[in-house]
Protein backbone atom coordinates (compact mmCIF):
# COMPACT_ATOMS: atom_id res chain seq x y z
CA UNK A 1 112.39 152.69 141.99
CA UNK A 2 109.54 153.95 143.91
CA UNK A 3 105.71 154.02 143.48
CA UNK A 4 103.67 157.15 145.08
CA UNK A 5 99.81 155.97 146.11
CA UNK A 6 98.32 159.68 146.09
CA UNK A 7 95.14 161.28 144.74
CA UNK A 8 95.55 159.79 141.27
CA UNK A 9 94.88 156.24 143.08
CA UNK A 10 91.61 157.75 143.74
CA UNK A 11 90.83 159.01 140.20
CA UNK A 12 92.21 155.37 138.78
CA UNK A 13 90.03 153.55 141.18
CA UNK A 14 86.54 155.41 140.30
CA UNK A 15 87.05 155.09 136.96
CA UNK A 16 87.62 151.12 137.03
CA UNK A 17 84.37 151.02 138.95
CA UNK A 18 82.24 153.07 136.65
CA UNK A 19 83.26 151.01 133.74
CA UNK A 20 83.32 147.20 134.54
CA UNK A 21 84.87 146.69 137.81
CA UNK A 22 81.46 145.69 139.46
CA UNK A 23 79.47 142.67 141.01
CA UNK A 24 76.95 141.11 138.83
CA UNK A 25 73.67 143.33 138.77
CA UNK A 26 75.17 146.15 140.76
CA UNK A 27 73.96 148.48 138.19
CA UNK A 28 70.40 147.61 137.98
CA UNK A 29 69.71 145.83 141.36
CA UNK A 30 69.08 141.91 141.69
CA UNK A 31 65.30 141.39 140.83
CA UNK A 32 62.38 139.96 142.94
CA UNK A 33 60.55 137.33 141.28
CA UNK A 34 58.59 135.89 144.39
CA UNK A 35 56.77 137.78 147.11
CA UNK A 36 55.50 134.87 149.03
CA UNK A 37 56.70 131.46 150.45
CA UNK A 38 54.24 129.57 148.13
CA UNK A 39 55.35 131.18 145.19
CA UNK A 40 59.24 130.84 146.25
CA UNK A 41 59.00 127.20 146.59
CA UNK A 42 57.05 126.55 143.54
CA UNK A 43 60.14 128.36 141.53
CA UNK A 44 58.42 131.76 141.50
CA UNK A 45 55.47 131.05 139.79
CA UNK A 46 53.11 134.08 139.69
CA UNK A 47 50.95 134.81 136.32
CA UNK A 48 48.20 132.11 136.16
CA UNK A 49 48.03 130.32 139.86
CA UNK A 50 46.96 131.24 143.34
CA UNK A 51 49.76 132.72 145.19
CA UNK A 52 48.63 135.16 147.54
CA UNK A 53 47.81 138.96 147.68
CA UNK A 54 51.53 139.57 146.39
CA UNK A 55 51.61 137.89 143.24
CA UNK A 56 49.32 140.73 141.83
CA UNK A 57 53.12 142.43 141.67
CA UNK A 58 53.51 139.90 138.30
CA UNK A 59 50.00 139.37 137.14
CA UNK A 60 46.98 141.64 138.93
CA UNK A 61 44.62 139.39 137.38
CA UNK A 62 45.67 136.51 140.22
CA UNK A 63 43.64 138.58 142.88
CA UNK A 64 40.32 137.04 140.70
CA UNK A 65 41.67 133.35 142.15
CA UNK A 66 41.31 134.80 146.16
CA UNK A 67 37.91 133.93 147.43
CA UNK A 68 38.23 134.69 151.22
CA UNK A 69 36.24 137.90 151.78
CA UNK A 70 39.63 139.95 153.33
CA UNK A 71 43.26 138.57 154.06
CA UNK A 72 46.18 140.33 155.18
CA UNK A 73 49.77 139.05 154.39
CA UNK A 74 53.29 139.64 155.69
CA UNK A 75 56.67 137.87 154.09
CA UNK A 76 60.13 138.13 155.83
CA UNK A 77 62.93 137.14 153.21
CA UNK A 78 66.36 136.04 154.40
CA UNK A 79 69.23 135.37 151.52
CA UNK A 80 72.86 134.23 152.31
CA UNK A 81 75.18 134.95 149.52
CA UNK A 82 78.41 133.09 149.23
CA UNK A 83 81.21 134.24 146.68
CA UNK A 84 84.22 132.60 145.44
CA UNK A 85 86.51 134.39 143.74
CA UNK A 86 89.42 132.69 141.73
CA UNK A 87 92.18 133.58 139.05
CA UNK A 88 93.59 130.90 136.67
CA UNK A 89 97.51 129.50 137.62
CA UNK A 90 100.06 128.94 134.80
CA UNK A 91 103.12 127.20 134.93
CA UNK A 92 106.58 128.20 133.47
CA UNK A 93 105.68 126.75 130.30
CA UNK A 94 102.33 128.92 130.03
CA UNK A 95 100.22 126.08 130.33
CA UNK A 96 96.88 126.14 132.67
CA UNK A 97 97.38 124.47 135.91
CA UNK A 98 94.28 125.48 137.90
CA UNK A 99 91.97 128.03 139.31
CA UNK A 100 92.99 129.72 142.55
CA UNK A 101 90.76 131.15 145.12
CA UNK A 102 91.92 134.25 146.76
CA UNK A 103 89.13 135.43 148.17
CA UNK A 104 85.66 134.15 149.56
CA UNK A 105 82.53 136.04 150.82
CA UNK A 106 79.55 135.07 152.94
CA UNK A 107 76.95 137.57 153.98
CA UNK A 108 73.22 137.49 154.97
CA UNK A 109 70.85 140.45 153.85
CA UNK A 110 67.12 140.58 154.89
CA UNK A 111 63.89 142.21 153.49
CA UNK A 112 60.15 142.37 154.07
CA UNK A 113 56.80 142.54 152.00
CA UNK A 114 53.28 142.92 152.77
CA UNK A 115 49.83 143.15 151.24
CA UNK A 116 45.92 143.36 152.09
CA UNK A 117 42.78 142.82 149.80
CA UNK A 118 38.92 142.74 150.06
CA UNK A 119 36.62 141.09 148.00
CA UNK A 120 33.36 142.84 146.79
CA UNK A 121 30.74 140.50 145.78
CA UNK A 122 28.45 142.12 142.84
CA UNK A 123 25.56 141.05 141.23
CA UNK A 124 27.08 139.06 138.75
CA UNK A 125 31.05 139.40 139.37
CA UNK A 126 33.46 139.93 142.02
CA UNK A 127 35.59 142.67 142.38
CA UNK A 128 39.05 142.73 144.43
CA UNK A 129 41.09 145.43 145.72
CA UNK A 130 44.45 145.26 147.04
CA UNK A 131 47.43 147.18 148.17
CA UNK A 132 51.30 145.55 148.16
CA UNK A 133 54.14 147.01 149.68
CA UNK A 134 57.39 145.07 148.29
CA UNK A 135 61.28 145.38 147.00
CA UNK A 136 61.63 145.26 143.44
CA UNK A 137 64.87 145.73 143.05
CA UNK A 138 67.91 145.18 145.45
CA UNK A 139 71.10 146.79 145.70
CA UNK A 140 72.66 145.23 148.78
CA UNK A 141 76.02 143.43 148.24
CA UNK A 142 79.27 143.27 150.19
CA UNK A 143 82.83 142.62 148.90
CA UNK A 144 85.60 142.22 151.24
CA UNK A 145 89.35 141.40 150.74
CA UNK A 146 92.96 141.53 152.17
CA UNK A 147 95.59 142.66 150.41
CA UNK A 148 99.11 140.89 151.59
CA UNK A 149 102.43 141.06 150.47
CA UNK A 150 104.71 138.11 149.25
CA UNK A 151 106.61 137.61 152.48
CA UNK A 152 107.61 133.92 153.03
CA UNK A 153 105.45 131.72 155.09
CA UNK A 154 108.27 129.83 157.03
CA UNK A 155 108.24 129.39 160.54
CA UNK A 156 104.44 129.84 160.55
CA UNK A 157 104.97 133.42 159.50
CA UNK A 158 102.14 135.14 157.94
CA UNK A 159 102.48 137.57 155.22
CA UNK A 160 101.95 141.23 155.95
CA UNK A 161 98.72 142.77 155.66
CA UNK A 162 98.99 145.73 153.06
CA UNK A 163 95.06 147.23 152.95
CA UNK A 164 91.54 146.23 154.12
CA UNK A 165 89.57 146.58 150.56
CA UNK A 166 85.91 146.76 150.96
CA UNK A 167 83.08 147.28 148.06
CA UNK A 168 79.57 147.49 149.04
CA UNK A 169 75.92 148.61 148.62
CA UNK A 170 72.72 148.87 150.47
CA UNK A 171 69.38 149.94 149.30
CA UNK A 172 66.29 149.01 147.36
CA UNK A 173 63.51 150.45 145.13
CA UNK A 174 60.41 149.51 146.50
CA UNK A 175 56.82 149.37 144.83
CA UNK A 176 53.75 150.73 146.76
CA UNK A 177 50.75 149.13 144.70
CA UNK A 178 46.88 149.28 144.53
CA UNK A 179 45.56 146.99 142.44
CA UNK A 180 42.41 146.01 141.04
CA UNK A 181 40.40 142.79 139.61
CA UNK A 182 37.38 141.78 137.94
CA UNK A 183 36.35 138.27 137.88
CA UNK A 184 33.56 136.73 136.03
CA UNK A 185 32.48 133.09 137.02
CA UNK A 186 30.24 130.66 135.34
CA UNK A 187 30.59 126.93 135.93
CA UNK A 188 28.40 125.67 133.30
CA UNK A 189 30.40 127.47 130.52
CA UNK A 190 33.73 125.97 128.62
CA UNK A 191 35.19 129.42 130.24
CA UNK A 192 34.56 128.73 133.49
CA UNK A 193 36.22 132.17 134.73
CA UNK A 194 37.71 135.20 133.88
CA UNK A 195 39.73 137.70 135.38
CA UNK A 196 41.41 141.26 134.39
CA UNK A 197 43.45 142.76 136.47
CA UNK A 198 45.69 146.26 136.64
CA UNK A 199 48.41 147.75 138.93
CA UNK A 200 49.80 151.11 139.25
CA UNK A 201 52.88 151.13 141.48
CA UNK A 202 54.93 154.04 142.79
CA UNK A 203 58.22 153.39 142.73
CA UNK A 204 60.52 154.86 145.24
CA UNK A 205 64.14 154.21 146.72
CA UNK A 206 67.67 154.92 146.94
CA UNK A 207 71.15 152.76 147.13
CA UNK A 208 74.65 154.06 147.88
CA UNK A 209 77.92 152.30 146.95
CA UNK A 210 81.38 152.65 148.86
CA UNK A 211 84.80 151.62 147.35
CA UNK A 212 87.52 151.88 149.85
CA UNK A 213 90.94 151.32 150.37
CA UNK A 214 91.96 151.04 154.20
CA UNK A 215 95.95 150.89 154.65
CA UNK A 216 97.49 149.23 157.83
CA UNK A 217 99.62 150.75 160.08
CA UNK A 218 102.15 148.43 159.14
CA UNK A 219 101.91 149.36 155.42
CA UNK A 220 102.20 153.19 156.97
CA UNK A 221 105.32 152.65 158.84
CA UNK A 222 107.35 151.64 156.29
CA UNK A 223 106.91 154.75 154.34
CA UNK A 224 108.63 156.79 156.82
CA UNK A 225 110.56 159.08 154.30
CA UNK A 226 107.52 159.56 152.62
CA UNK A 227 104.15 159.45 155.01
CA UNK A 228 101.58 160.85 152.50
CA UNK A 229 102.20 158.52 150.17
CA UNK A 230 99.70 155.63 151.39
CA UNK A 231 96.09 157.53 151.76
CA UNK A 232 93.24 155.80 152.59
CA UNK A 233 90.91 156.18 149.48
CA UNK A 234 86.67 155.93 149.62
CA UNK A 235 84.44 156.59 146.82
CA UNK A 236 80.74 156.76 147.57
CA UNK A 237 78.19 157.00 144.57
CA UNK A 238 74.30 157.80 146.27
CA UNK A 239 71.54 157.38 143.83
CA UNK A 240 67.78 158.11 144.54
CA UNK A 241 65.19 156.81 141.97
CA UNK A 242 61.00 157.65 141.74
CA UNK A 243 58.84 156.88 139.03
CA UNK A 244 55.49 154.82 137.82
CA UNK A 245 54.91 151.32 136.80
CA UNK A 246 51.97 150.20 135.05
CA UNK A 247 50.81 146.41 134.96
CA UNK A 248 47.75 144.64 133.57
CA UNK A 249 46.74 140.73 133.26
CA UNK A 250 43.99 138.38 132.71
CA UNK A 251 43.41 135.05 133.41
CA UNK A 252 41.32 132.44 131.71
CA UNK A 253 39.76 129.32 133.70
CA UNK A 254 38.87 126.32 131.43
CA UNK A 255 36.92 124.00 133.72
CA UNK A 256 38.13 123.16 137.27
CA UNK A 257 41.71 122.03 135.48
CA UNK A 258 43.08 124.48 133.40
CA UNK A 259 43.91 128.16 133.92
CA UNK A 260 45.59 130.32 131.14
CA UNK A 261 47.36 133.70 132.36
CA UNK A 262 49.06 136.60 130.80
CA UNK A 263 50.52 139.71 132.17
CA UNK A 264 51.92 142.76 130.82
CA UNK A 265 54.04 145.29 132.47
CA UNK A 266 55.15 148.57 130.72
CA UNK A 267 58.70 149.80 130.28
CA UNK A 268 59.05 151.69 133.43
CA UNK A 269 60.66 155.27 133.41
CA UNK A 270 62.28 156.39 136.60
CA UNK A 271 64.16 159.44 137.29
CA UNK A 272 67.44 158.65 138.82
CA UNK A 273 69.41 161.24 140.98
CA UNK A 274 72.98 161.01 141.47
CA UNK A 275 75.84 162.23 143.41
CA UNK A 276 79.75 161.14 144.48
CA UNK A 277 81.33 162.13 147.92
CA UNK A 278 83.07 164.73 145.72
CA UNK A 279 79.72 166.43 144.29
CA UNK A 280 78.11 169.57 146.06
CA UNK A 281 75.02 169.19 144.18
CA UNK A 282 72.36 166.27 142.97
CA UNK A 283 72.58 165.60 139.17
CA UNK A 284 69.77 163.66 137.39
CA UNK A 285 69.28 161.77 134.52
CA UNK A 286 66.03 159.49 133.54
CA UNK A 287 66.41 155.23 133.33
CA UNK A 288 64.47 152.54 132.09
CA UNK A 289 63.49 149.46 133.79
CA UNK A 290 62.09 146.86 131.10
CA UNK A 291 59.10 145.75 129.47
CA UNK A 292 57.72 142.22 130.29
CA UNK A 293 55.25 139.69 128.33
CA UNK A 294 54.49 137.03 130.68
CA UNK A 295 52.04 134.03 129.77
CA UNK A 296 51.36 131.16 132.70
CA UNK A 297 49.72 127.75 132.56
CA UNK A 298 48.18 125.89 135.66
CA UNK A 299 47.01 122.03 135.23
CA UNK A 300 45.17 120.64 137.86
CA UNK A 301 45.09 116.79 137.52
CA UNK A 302 42.72 114.22 138.45
CA UNK A 303 45.15 112.60 141.08
CA UNK A 304 45.01 110.97 144.32
CA UNK A 305 46.85 113.54 146.12
CA UNK A 306 45.47 117.48 145.21
CA UNK A 307 48.18 118.14 142.59
CA UNK A 308 48.69 121.78 140.82
CA UNK A 309 51.19 122.28 138.16
CA UNK A 310 52.47 125.45 136.68
CA UNK A 311 55.03 126.69 134.58
CA UNK A 312 55.64 129.82 133.01
CA UNK A 313 57.60 132.30 130.66
CA UNK A 314 58.74 135.91 130.70
CA UNK A 315 60.15 138.04 128.03
CA UNK A 316 62.01 140.58 129.61
CA UNK A 317 63.38 143.27 127.48
CA UNK A 318 66.75 144.56 129.22
CA UNK A 319 67.39 146.43 126.06
CA UNK A 320 65.21 149.25 127.15
CA UNK A 321 67.53 149.99 129.91
CA UNK A 322 70.97 149.78 127.85
CA UNK A 323 71.04 149.05 124.41
CA UNK A 324 74.36 146.87 125.20
CA UNK A 325 72.04 144.90 127.40
CA UNK A 326 70.37 141.67 125.94
CA UNK A 327 66.70 140.53 125.87
CA UNK A 328 65.81 137.27 127.66
CA UNK A 329 63.49 134.54 128.32
CA UNK A 330 62.94 133.34 132.07
CA UNK A 331 61.33 130.07 132.98
CA UNK A 332 59.63 128.92 136.09
CA UNK A 333 57.99 125.55 136.83
CA UNK A 334 56.28 124.57 140.05
CA UNK A 335 54.41 121.85 141.48
CA UNK A 336 52.36 121.18 144.42
CA UNK A 337 51.15 118.32 145.88
CA UNK A 338 48.56 118.27 149.18
CA UNK A 339 48.61 114.87 150.91
CA UNK A 340 46.38 113.31 152.80
CA UNK A 341 46.71 115.07 156.17
CA UNK A 342 46.46 118.41 154.24
CA UNK A 343 50.00 119.64 154.16
CA UNK A 344 51.40 120.47 151.03
CA UNK A 345 54.61 119.49 149.49
CA UNK A 346 55.87 121.98 147.14
CA UNK A 347 58.96 121.94 144.54
CA UNK A 348 60.18 124.43 141.81
CA UNK A 349 62.54 125.14 139.34
CA UNK A 350 63.49 128.74 137.79
CA UNK A 351 65.97 129.28 135.12
CA UNK A 352 66.90 133.20 134.83
CA UNK A 353 69.45 134.74 132.20
CA UNK A 354 71.28 137.54 132.89
CA UNK A 355 70.67 140.68 130.40
CA UNK A 356 73.96 142.38 130.89
CA UNK A 357 75.75 139.31 129.90
CA UNK A 358 73.98 136.31 127.61
CA UNK A 359 76.75 133.79 128.75
CA UNK A 360 75.65 133.91 132.66
CA UNK A 361 72.23 132.19 133.95
CA UNK A 362 70.83 131.46 137.00
CA UNK A 363 69.65 128.28 138.01
CA UNK A 364 67.75 127.56 141.19
CA UNK A 365 65.57 125.03 143.05
CA UNK A 366 63.10 125.03 145.57
CA UNK A 367 60.79 123.60 147.84
CA UNK A 368 58.30 124.15 150.45
CA UNK A 369 55.29 123.56 152.68
CA UNK A 370 52.42 125.22 154.97
CA UNK A 371 51.04 125.02 158.32
CA UNK A 372 47.80 126.10 159.19
CA UNK A 373 47.77 127.81 162.51
CA UNK A 374 44.71 128.67 164.96
CA UNK A 375 42.45 131.93 164.24
CA UNK A 376 42.14 131.72 160.67
CA UNK A 377 46.17 131.99 160.55
CA UNK A 378 48.61 130.37 157.80
CA UNK A 379 52.01 130.23 157.67
CA UNK A 380 53.88 129.05 154.01
CA UNK A 381 57.65 128.27 154.12
CA UNK A 382 60.03 128.18 151.33
CA UNK A 383 63.49 127.92 150.39
CA UNK A 384 65.24 128.22 147.12
CA UNK A 385 69.11 127.38 146.40
CA UNK A 386 70.77 128.82 143.25
CA UNK A 387 73.81 128.91 141.75
CA UNK A 388 75.79 131.48 139.00
CA UNK A 389 79.21 131.72 137.15
CA UNK A 390 80.65 134.57 136.01
CA UNK A 391 83.72 136.42 134.96
CA UNK A 392 84.66 139.74 135.40
CA UNK A 393 87.78 142.00 136.26
CA UNK A 394 90.07 142.28 139.18
CA UNK A 395 87.86 145.11 141.62
CA UNK A 396 91.06 146.41 143.17
CA UNK A 397 93.73 146.00 140.45
CA UNK A 398 97.26 144.71 141.97
CA UNK A 399 98.94 148.01 141.00
CA UNK A 400 97.66 150.02 143.41
CA UNK A 401 100.15 148.41 145.84
CA UNK A 402 102.94 148.62 143.57
CA UNK A 403 105.18 150.27 146.01
CA UNK A 404 108.66 148.39 146.62
CA UNK A 405 108.49 149.51 150.35
CA UNK A 406 105.54 147.22 150.85
CA UNK A 407 106.74 143.92 149.14
CA UNK A 408 110.02 141.89 149.72
CA UNK A 409 111.59 143.02 147.04
CA UNK A 410 114.68 142.42 145.41
CA UNK A 411 115.24 144.92 142.17
CA UNK A 412 117.59 142.33 140.78
CA UNK A 413 114.92 139.38 140.84
CA UNK A 414 112.00 140.64 141.77
CA UNK A 415 109.09 142.70 139.83
CA UNK A 416 106.44 144.78 141.73
CA UNK A 417 102.32 143.98 141.25
CA UNK A 418 100.94 144.93 137.88
CA UNK A 419 97.50 144.68 136.57
CA UNK A 420 96.23 141.08 136.05
CA UNK A 421 94.71 141.12 132.29
CA UNK A 422 92.93 137.74 132.91
CA UNK A 423 89.57 137.77 134.45
CA UNK A 424 88.65 136.51 137.66
CA UNK A 425 86.23 133.34 137.62
CA UNK A 426 83.33 133.87 140.25
CA UNK A 427 80.98 131.34 141.71
CA UNK A 428 77.90 132.72 143.60
CA UNK A 429 75.94 130.43 145.48
CA UNK A 430 72.67 131.73 147.20
CA UNK A 431 70.34 130.11 149.70
CA UNK A 432 66.85 131.97 149.61
CA UNK A 433 64.51 131.42 152.53
CA UNK A 434 61.22 132.95 152.96
CA UNK A 435 58.30 132.83 155.83
CA UNK A 436 54.63 134.25 154.75
CA UNK A 437 52.25 134.79 157.52
CA UNK A 438 48.74 135.29 156.45
CA UNK A 439 45.26 136.10 158.36
CA UNK A 440 42.15 135.81 156.68
CA UNK A 441 38.20 135.68 156.98
């Protein structure tokens, strides 16, 4: 029996990827929660607490908490992602033995944000204007695996490599955001401050996803009687996005000890243009990113150290994007202790369920600090570690390589590879590091 891997393979491969064979968040992009190292180190809070200029992307009213005349901020974000994929092993009695890791990937990605604001002191109030630039949704990922045959490994022999499989994406959706906040203050009142803010973001970006199977020279040499049966395959999907996002929020200050904040992000309508490597023209559709409601609480207790504690919750209506997605509630919490030498210690926690699968949740812990530099400069440093586990189908089904010439194959005893019906078990471990430098006067 002989199997030919022809153009039909490409068509099957495309269908599999479009339906279910995708990395987590491939379709919508990974959300950006923290836009400064201070926010990252405190669990990505930013609805009711002072986290810098870029926190206006979570709640524009936070600009009212900034008292310097002018500030410019630049943030660098580096993320390392480690992914292990495994499948279950069963014995001859169909009893589960263990999970076998068959591929591990580790890749590093970076991105950058920036913003500036200016405070205008009016007669009985303060007006703050700002402009921010940041990545809101990140489509960067990379998956690599080697397909090898079943040749025995006696005498240090290495099974022959059949193909290199690569599945990768790149691109981001960026926000270009002017914001404004109006702040009223009265230290003698129960409500010591009241800030209102609005923001409008122009969203623009693109992403590209490539799925490739590249057969090795050795594999092609095995097909001397049928050299065209092994063809390298490439499928590319390109997307372009554009639209407007509207935000609003307010923060109520109750004396020196308590801030309560509320934020609202309207359902975002984006025009999405798309094209594959087999298309000659772009097609377009409309997609919707979710409505968000957020509430935050910050408490400044009496303490030997100058301490601030923040806790927040956000309702994210992912059903706006797709009826098969789930609405979720995300939680963040963080604490900052400023020690006697003026150096802060920050700790945080973040709980983020997936809108795609209600059984999948990211849990992350974070920490950070800050250093004051000469010339009115400040450097904030933060790091976050998180882990997420989920199940999904094999990205490159085994039947693609079911050709008897490529395997140590005896038709009397052996069978050629078949698609696994069981799902892969994926363990994703993430390390996220961020540095923010600010200049103020």
